[in-house]
Protein backbone atom coordinates (compact mmCIF):
# COMPACT_ATOMS: atom_id res chain seq x y z
CA UNK A 1 23.47 114.67 -52.24
CA UNK A 2 25.08 118.09 -52.20
CA UNK A 3 28.11 118.46 -54.42
CA UNK A 4 31.24 119.70 -52.58
CA UNK A 5 31.82 123.40 -53.00
CA UNK A 6 34.77 124.33 -55.19
CA UNK A 7 34.35 128.10 -55.01
CA UNK A 8 37.32 128.24 -52.64
CA UNK A 9 40.71 127.19 -54.06
CA UNK A 10 39.08 126.71 -57.44
CA UNK A 11 42.41 126.48 -59.24
CA UNK A 12 43.50 123.60 -56.98
CA UNK A 13 40.43 121.50 -57.76
CA UNK A 14 40.77 122.16 -61.48
CA UNK A 15 44.45 121.20 -61.43
CA UNK A 16 43.66 118.04 -59.49
CA UNK A 17 40.95 117.15 -62.00
CA UNK A 18 43.31 117.44 -64.96
CA UNK A 19 46.07 115.47 -63.23
CA UNK A 20 43.63 112.65 -62.52
CA UNK A 21 42.33 112.83 -66.09
CA UNK A 22 45.89 112.69 -67.47
CA UNK A 23 46.80 109.64 -65.42
CA UNK A 24 43.56 107.92 -66.36
CA UNK A 25 43.96 108.57 -70.10
CA UNK A 26 47.60 107.47 -70.15
CA UNK A 27 46.86 104.10 -68.58
CA UNK A 28 43.45 103.65 -70.24
CA UNK A 29 44.70 104.40 -73.76
CA UNK A 30 48.25 103.10 -73.42
CA UNK A 31 47.56 99.73 -71.83
CA UNK A 32 48.27 96.89 -74.30
CA UNK A 33 48.56 99.30 -77.26
CA UNK A 34 51.53 101.56 -77.96
CA UNK A 35 52.65 101.63 -74.35
CA UNK A 36 52.29 104.05 -71.48
CA UNK A 37 55.36 106.14 -72.32
CA UNK A 38 54.37 106.88 -75.90
CA UNK A 39 50.75 107.44 -74.93
CA UNK A 40 51.92 110.04 -72.44
CA UNK A 41 53.58 112.00 -75.26
CA UNK A 42 50.41 111.84 -77.35
CA UNK A 43 48.18 112.92 -74.45
CA UNK A 44 50.47 115.81 -73.47
CA UNK A 45 50.42 117.00 -77.07
CA UNK A 46 46.62 116.80 -77.30
CA UNK A 47 46.02 118.13 -73.77
CA UNK A 48 45.78 121.84 -74.75
CA UNK A 49 43.02 121.03 -77.26
CA UNK A 50 41.15 118.90 -74.70
CA UNK A 51 41.42 121.56 -71.98
CA UNK A 52 40.38 124.41 -74.31
CA UNK A 53 37.41 122.39 -75.58
CA UNK A 54 36.29 121.61 -72.05
CA UNK A 55 36.48 125.22 -70.84
CA UNK A 56 34.88 126.53 -74.02
CA UNK A 57 31.85 124.38 -73.16
CA UNK A 58 31.79 125.02 -69.40
CA UNK A 59 32.72 128.71 -69.33
CA UNK A 60 31.14 129.99 -72.55
CA UNK A 61 28.59 127.78 -74.30
CA UNK A 62 26.73 126.53 -71.20
CA UNK A 63 26.45 129.90 -69.36
CA UNK A 64 25.86 131.96 -72.51
CA UNK A 65 23.38 129.74 -74.31
CA UNK A 66 22.22 126.62 -72.44
CA UNK A 67 21.47 128.35 -69.11
CA UNK A 68 19.56 131.05 -70.98
CA UNK A 69 17.60 128.30 -72.79
CA UNK A 70 18.94 129.24 -76.21
CA UNK A 71 19.01 125.56 -77.13
CA UNK A 72 19.29 125.87 -80.90
CA UNK A 73 22.34 128.11 -80.82
CA UNK A 74 23.92 125.97 -78.13
CA UNK A 75 23.42 122.83 -80.23
CA UNK A 76 24.89 124.43 -83.35
CA UNK A 77 27.94 125.83 -81.55
CA UNK A 78 28.43 122.54 -79.67
CA UNK A 79 28.51 120.54 -82.91
CA UNK A 80 30.94 122.98 -84.52
CA UNK A 81 33.14 122.90 -81.42
CA UNK A 82 33.34 119.09 -81.40
CA UNK A 83 34.11 118.98 -85.12
CA UNK A 84 36.80 121.63 -84.75
CA UNK A 85 38.45 119.95 -81.77
CA UNK A 86 38.46 116.51 -83.45
CA UNK A 87 39.94 118.09 -86.59
CA UNK A 88 42.66 119.79 -84.54
CA UNK A 89 43.49 116.56 -82.71
CA UNK A 90 43.83 114.66 -85.99
CA UNK A 91 46.10 117.37 -87.36
CA UNK A 92 48.25 117.16 -84.23
CA UNK A 93 48.48 113.37 -84.61
CA UNK A 94 49.65 113.76 -88.22
CA UNK A 95 52.26 116.29 -87.12
CA UNK A 96 53.45 113.90 -84.42
CA UNK A 97 53.84 111.06 -86.95
CA UNK A 98 55.68 113.30 -89.42
CA UNK A 99 58.12 114.78 -86.96
CA UNK A 100 58.25 111.80 -84.61
CA UNK A 101 59.13 109.02 -87.00
CA UNK A 102 61.97 108.10 -84.67
CA UNK A 103 59.48 107.00 -82.00
CA UNK A 104 59.21 103.64 -83.81
CA UNK A 105 55.45 103.27 -83.36
CA UNK A 106 53.93 100.14 -84.82
CA UNK A 107 50.94 101.16 -86.90
CA UNK A 108 49.11 97.92 -86.13
CA UNK A 109 49.04 98.81 -82.44
CA UNK A 110 47.93 102.38 -82.98
CA UNK A 111 44.26 103.32 -83.28
CA UNK A 112 43.85 107.05 -83.92
CA UNK A 113 40.06 107.03 -83.60
CA UNK A 114 40.31 105.21 -80.26
CA UNK A 115 42.86 107.76 -79.01
CA UNK A 116 40.78 110.78 -80.12
CA UNK A 117 37.57 109.32 -78.68
CA UNK A 118 39.36 108.59 -75.39
CA UNK A 119 40.42 112.20 -75.01
CA UNK A 120 36.74 113.17 -74.91
CA UNK A 121 36.19 111.31 -71.64
CA UNK A 122 37.45 114.23 -69.46
CA UNK A 123 35.58 116.67 -71.71
CA UNK A 124 32.28 114.84 -71.18
CA UNK A 125 32.91 114.46 -67.44
CA UNK A 126 33.79 118.15 -67.12
CA UNK A 127 30.62 119.17 -68.95
CA UNK A 128 28.54 116.84 -66.76
CA UNK A 129 30.01 118.35 -63.58
CA UNK A 130 29.34 121.87 -64.89
CA UNK A 131 25.73 121.01 -65.73
CA UNK A 132 25.18 119.47 -62.29
CA UNK A 133 26.64 122.48 -60.50
CA UNK A 134 24.63 124.88 -62.67
CA UNK A 135 21.44 123.00 -61.78
CA UNK A 136 22.42 122.95 -58.10
CA UNK A 137 23.10 126.70 -58.05
CA UNK A 138 19.81 127.34 -59.82
CA UNK A 139 17.94 125.30 -57.20
CA UNK A 140 19.70 127.15 -54.37
CA UNK A 141 18.92 130.49 -55.99
CA UNK A 142 15.24 129.56 -56.42
CA UNK A 143 15.10 128.44 -52.78
CA UNK A 144 16.61 131.73 -51.60
CA UNK A 145 14.12 133.70 -53.69
CA UNK A 146 11.25 131.64 -52.30
CA UNK A 147 12.44 132.21 -48.73
CA UNK A 148 12.79 135.95 -49.36
CA UNK A 149 9.31 136.08 -50.88
CA UNK A 150 7.88 134.17 -47.92
CA UNK A 151 9.62 136.46 -45.42
CA UNK A 152 8.36 139.55 -47.25
CA UNK A 153 4.80 138.23 -47.30
CA UNK A 154 4.99 137.35 -43.60
CA UNK A 155 6.31 140.82 -42.84
CA UNK A 156 3.51 142.40 -44.85
CA UNK A 157 0.92 140.37 -42.97
CA UNK A 158 2.48 141.41 -39.66
CA UNK A 159 2.26 145.08 -40.63
CA UNK A 160 -1.44 144.51 -41.28
CA UNK A 161 -1.87 142.97 -37.82
CA UNK A 162 -0.18 145.80 -35.90
CA UNK A 163 -2.48 148.69 -36.98
CA UNK A 164 -5.53 146.45 -36.58
CA UNK A 165 -4.54 145.46 -33.06
CA UNK A 166 -3.48 149.00 -32.13
CA UNK A 167 -6.73 150.46 -33.42
CA UNK A 168 -8.79 148.14 -31.24
CA UNK A 169 -6.73 148.87 -28.15
CA UNK A 170 -6.73 152.64 -28.67
CA UNK A 171 -10.47 152.48 -29.16
CA UNK A 172 -10.77 150.82 -25.75
CA UNK A 173 -8.54 153.49 -24.24
CA UNK A 174 -10.62 156.26 -25.81
CA UNK A 175 -13.79 154.78 -24.33
CA UNK A 176 -12.29 154.73 -20.82
CA UNK A 177 -10.97 158.28 -21.13
CA UNK A 178 -14.34 159.44 -22.43
CA UNK A 179 -15.96 157.86 -19.39
CA UNK A 180 -13.31 159.56 -17.22
CA UNK A 181 -12.37 156.21 -15.76
CA UNK A 182 -9.50 156.01 -13.32
CA UNK A 183 -8.55 152.78 -15.05
CA UNK A 184 -7.21 154.66 -18.09
CA UNK A 185 -3.71 154.77 -16.54
CA UNK A 186 -3.68 150.99 -16.19
CA UNK A 187 -4.71 150.71 -19.82
CA UNK A 188 -1.74 152.82 -20.90
CA UNK A 189 0.61 150.50 -18.98
CA UNK A 190 -0.97 147.39 -20.47
CA UNK A 191 -0.81 148.96 -23.93
CA UNK A 192 2.87 149.76 -23.44
CA UNK A 193 3.64 146.12 -22.61
CA UNK A 194 1.66 144.87 -25.58
CA UNK A 195 3.32 147.28 -28.01
CA UNK A 196 6.74 146.26 -26.71
CA UNK A 197 5.80 142.65 -27.34
CA UNK A 198 4.59 143.33 -30.88
CA UNK A 199 7.42 145.66 -31.93
CA UNK A 200 10.33 143.68 -30.49
CA UNK A 201 9.47 140.10 -29.51
CA UNK A 202 7.48 139.42 -32.67
CA UNK A 203 10.47 140.08 -34.92
CA UNK A 204 11.63 136.50 -34.28
CA UNK A 205 10.47 133.62 -36.46
CA UNK A 206 9.26 131.73 -33.40
CA UNK A 207 8.52 132.74 -29.82
CA UNK A 208 7.68 130.73 -26.72
CA UNK A 209 3.99 130.00 -26.42
CA UNK A 210 4.17 130.97 -22.73
CA UNK A 211 5.36 134.43 -23.79
CA UNK A 212 2.34 134.94 -26.02
CA UNK A 213 0.00 133.61 -23.34
CA UNK A 214 1.42 136.20 -20.94
CA UNK A 215 0.56 138.96 -23.41
CA UNK A 216 -2.87 137.43 -23.91
CA UNK A 217 -3.41 137.75 -20.18
CA UNK A 218 -2.37 141.41 -20.41
CA UNK A 219 -4.80 141.93 -23.27
CA UNK A 220 -7.60 140.22 -21.36
CA UNK A 221 -6.87 142.37 -18.31
CA UNK A 222 -7.02 145.44 -20.53
CA UNK A 223 -10.37 144.41 -21.99
CA UNK A 224 -11.76 143.59 -18.56
CA UNK A 225 -11.05 147.15 -17.51
CA UNK A 226 -13.64 148.10 -20.08
CA UNK A 227 -16.19 145.30 -19.72
CA UNK A 228 -15.76 144.47 -16.03
CA UNK A 229 -17.65 141.42 -14.78
CA UNK A 230 -19.72 141.15 -17.97
CA UNK A 231 -17.02 138.97 -19.52
CA UNK A 232 -15.53 135.77 -18.13
CA UNK A 233 -12.33 134.32 -19.61
CA UNK A 234 -10.98 130.86 -18.81
CA UNK A 235 -7.51 129.72 -19.99
CA UNK A 236 -7.16 125.95 -19.64
CA UNK A 237 -3.71 124.47 -20.27
CA UNK A 238 -4.00 120.68 -20.34
CA UNK A 239 -0.34 119.74 -20.96
CA UNK A 240 3.15 121.06 -20.33
CA UNK A 241 4.02 123.77 -22.87
CA UNK A 242 7.05 125.45 -21.28
CA UNK A 243 9.35 124.69 -24.25
CA UNK A 244 6.84 124.94 -27.10
CA UNK A 245 7.42 127.75 -29.61
CA UNK A 246 4.91 129.15 -32.10
CA UNK A 247 4.64 131.70 -34.87
CA UNK A 248 4.42 135.17 -33.27
CA UNK A 249 0.89 136.52 -32.89
CA UNK A 250 -0.75 133.14 -33.35
CA UNK A 251 -3.24 133.29 -30.48
CA UNK A 252 -3.57 137.03 -29.92
CA UNK A 253 -5.58 137.78 -33.10
CA UNK A 254 -8.00 135.00 -32.18
CA UNK A 255 -8.53 136.46 -28.72
CA UNK A 256 -9.09 139.87 -30.33
CA UNK A 257 -11.83 138.35 -32.45
CA UNK A 258 -13.44 136.81 -29.37
CA UNK A 259 -13.80 140.25 -27.78
CA UNK A 260 -14.68 142.02 -30.99
CA UNK A 261 -17.38 139.61 -32.13
CA UNK A 262 -18.39 137.78 -28.96
CA UNK A 263 -18.51 140.48 -26.29
CA UNK A 264 -21.35 142.86 -27.07
CA UNK A 265 -22.85 145.64 -24.94
CA UNK A 266 -26.21 143.94 -25.43
CA UNK A 267 -24.99 140.80 -23.68
CA UNK A 268 -25.21 140.80 -19.91
CA UNK A 269 -22.75 137.91 -19.73
CA UNK A 270 -20.10 136.81 -22.22
CA UNK A 271 -17.76 133.85 -22.01
CA UNK A 272 -14.44 133.15 -23.68
CA UNK A 273 -12.76 129.77 -23.25
CA UNK A 274 -9.17 129.09 -24.36
CA UNK A 275 -8.09 125.47 -24.18
CA UNK A 276 -4.52 124.39 -25.04
CA UNK A 277 -3.29 120.81 -25.22
CA UNK A 278 -0.76 118.54 -26.95
CA UNK A 279 -1.62 115.72 -29.36
CA UNK A 280 1.09 113.62 -31.08
CA UNK A 281 3.69 116.41 -31.21
CA UNK A 282 1.06 118.89 -32.31
CA UNK A 283 -0.22 121.89 -30.44
CA UNK A 284 -4.02 121.96 -30.31
CA UNK A 285 -5.94 125.09 -29.36
CA UNK A 286 -9.68 125.54 -29.00
CA UNK A 287 -10.88 129.14 -28.68
CA UNK A 288 -14.60 129.68 -28.24
CA UNK A 289 -16.72 132.70 -27.46
CA UNK A 290 -20.40 133.31 -26.87
CA UNK A 291 -22.45 134.75 -29.71
CA UNK A 292 -25.14 137.39 -29.57
CA UNK A 293 -28.64 136.39 -30.61
CA UNK A 294 -28.21 137.95 -34.06
CA UNK A 295 -24.90 137.29 -35.77
CA UNK A 296 -23.88 139.11 -38.93
CA UNK A 297 -21.38 137.77 -41.45
CA UNK A 298 -18.74 140.18 -40.07
CA UNK A 299 -19.11 138.61 -36.63
CA UNK A 300 -17.76 135.27 -37.78
CA UNK A 301 -14.06 135.85 -38.40
CA UNK A 302 -12.83 139.18 -39.63
CA UNK A 303 -9.35 140.32 -40.59
CA UNK A 304 -7.65 138.51 -37.71
CA UNK A 305 -8.72 135.01 -38.74
CA UNK A 306 -8.08 135.38 -42.49
CA UNK A 307 -4.74 137.05 -41.82
CA UNK A 308 -3.72 134.28 -39.43
CA UNK A 309 -4.67 131.62 -41.98
CA UNK A 310 -2.38 133.24 -44.56
CA UNK A 311 0.51 133.51 -42.12
CA UNK A 312 0.14 129.89 -41.04
CA UNK A 313 0.17 128.77 -44.67
CA UNK A 314 3.42 130.66 -45.32
CA UNK A 315 5.04 129.36 -42.13
CA UNK A 316 3.84 125.74 -42.10
CA UNK A 317 2.76 125.15 -45.74
CA UNK A 318 -0.10 122.62 -45.49
CA UNK A 319 1.11 121.15 -42.20
CA UNK A 320 -1.53 122.84 -40.04
CA UNK A 321 -5.26 122.78 -39.44
CA UNK A 322 -7.60 125.65 -38.71
CA UNK A 323 -11.35 125.41 -38.72
CA UNK A 324 -14.38 127.18 -37.32
CA UNK A 325 -17.70 125.97 -35.97
CA UNK A 326 -20.80 127.94 -35.10
CA UNK A 327 -23.44 126.63 -32.74
CA UNK A 328 -26.47 128.58 -31.54
CA UNK A 329 -24.53 129.91 -28.55
CA UNK A 330 -20.80 129.66 -29.37
CA UNK A 331 -18.36 130.39 -32.14
CA UNK A 332 -15.33 128.03 -31.96
CA UNK A 333 -11.96 128.11 -33.67
CA UNK A 334 -9.82 124.95 -33.75
CA UNK A 335 -6.13 125.46 -34.45
CA UNK A 336 -3.64 122.60 -34.78
CA UNK A 337 0.00 123.28 -35.63
CA UNK A 338 3.34 121.43 -35.27
CA UNK A 339 4.79 121.72 -31.77
CA UNK A 340 8.25 123.20 -32.21
CA UNK A 341 10.19 122.66 -29.02
CA UNK A 342 13.14 124.80 -27.94
CA UNK A 343 15.89 123.85 -25.52
């Protein structure tokens, strides 16, 4: 349960607290003893000591020593503070009896220790509230720091993706220009669309899956300009995904890996299959590509897959699944993440 914020109109809440405490002490201590009226005079006389003791704990001892984990000094000062405040209250009671003999207080009905102990109720409550709010603020601060750290790590991982992706695409463009292909102009247009997607759309925490699929189609079209009919790509969407959102650049690095590691000049025919479906509010994606006869360790993942795994962990914690499988002919990546739906 989140404690109500008192940062606004702080003075009002403090005044209300002390009014409630005063009323409580007067009736609690005065009932069936010396009477409410006389108890009120005692409490008003002792109130400055009670208030000063409370704020000395909450505004000085707790922030200066307890929060900074200087427990020994806090304990010593706390003991001295309690002793001093009790001593001052007893002195004030003596003064009241000396100069207030006309109040006609029956000694049998007056218990000084009970009165002094009762005045510590608002002090203890005030300290408890301060400790709770200090813990709450510490938790909120730690959460903000964790979120900032996560965002910075995600941003760093994104900056690693962009040069990697751009390098691959520019390499394709260079090959076409070197071959003096008329398709180079189309590549520049496709590259422009992809860069716009990466630089602007990917700034959001989540994007529509359909938006990323559109860019995947652009990327595939760009790659096909280079490989022609030697590569066949099938995108199979089994369920409705119009309102499903995902982490930006979730699928694109996997498709990059398919072309980088699965489409080789030595292969006369390469196949890439992308299958997307829904399963119990989870988005399930199978991405598979053909493998050349000889597969090196570098042809089984690369920067894209390891980078994606790190980003998914930061975004979804452990609430995702990513695995790979290698058969004699295909390399398959299974990705399962929560299906975040947007209106």
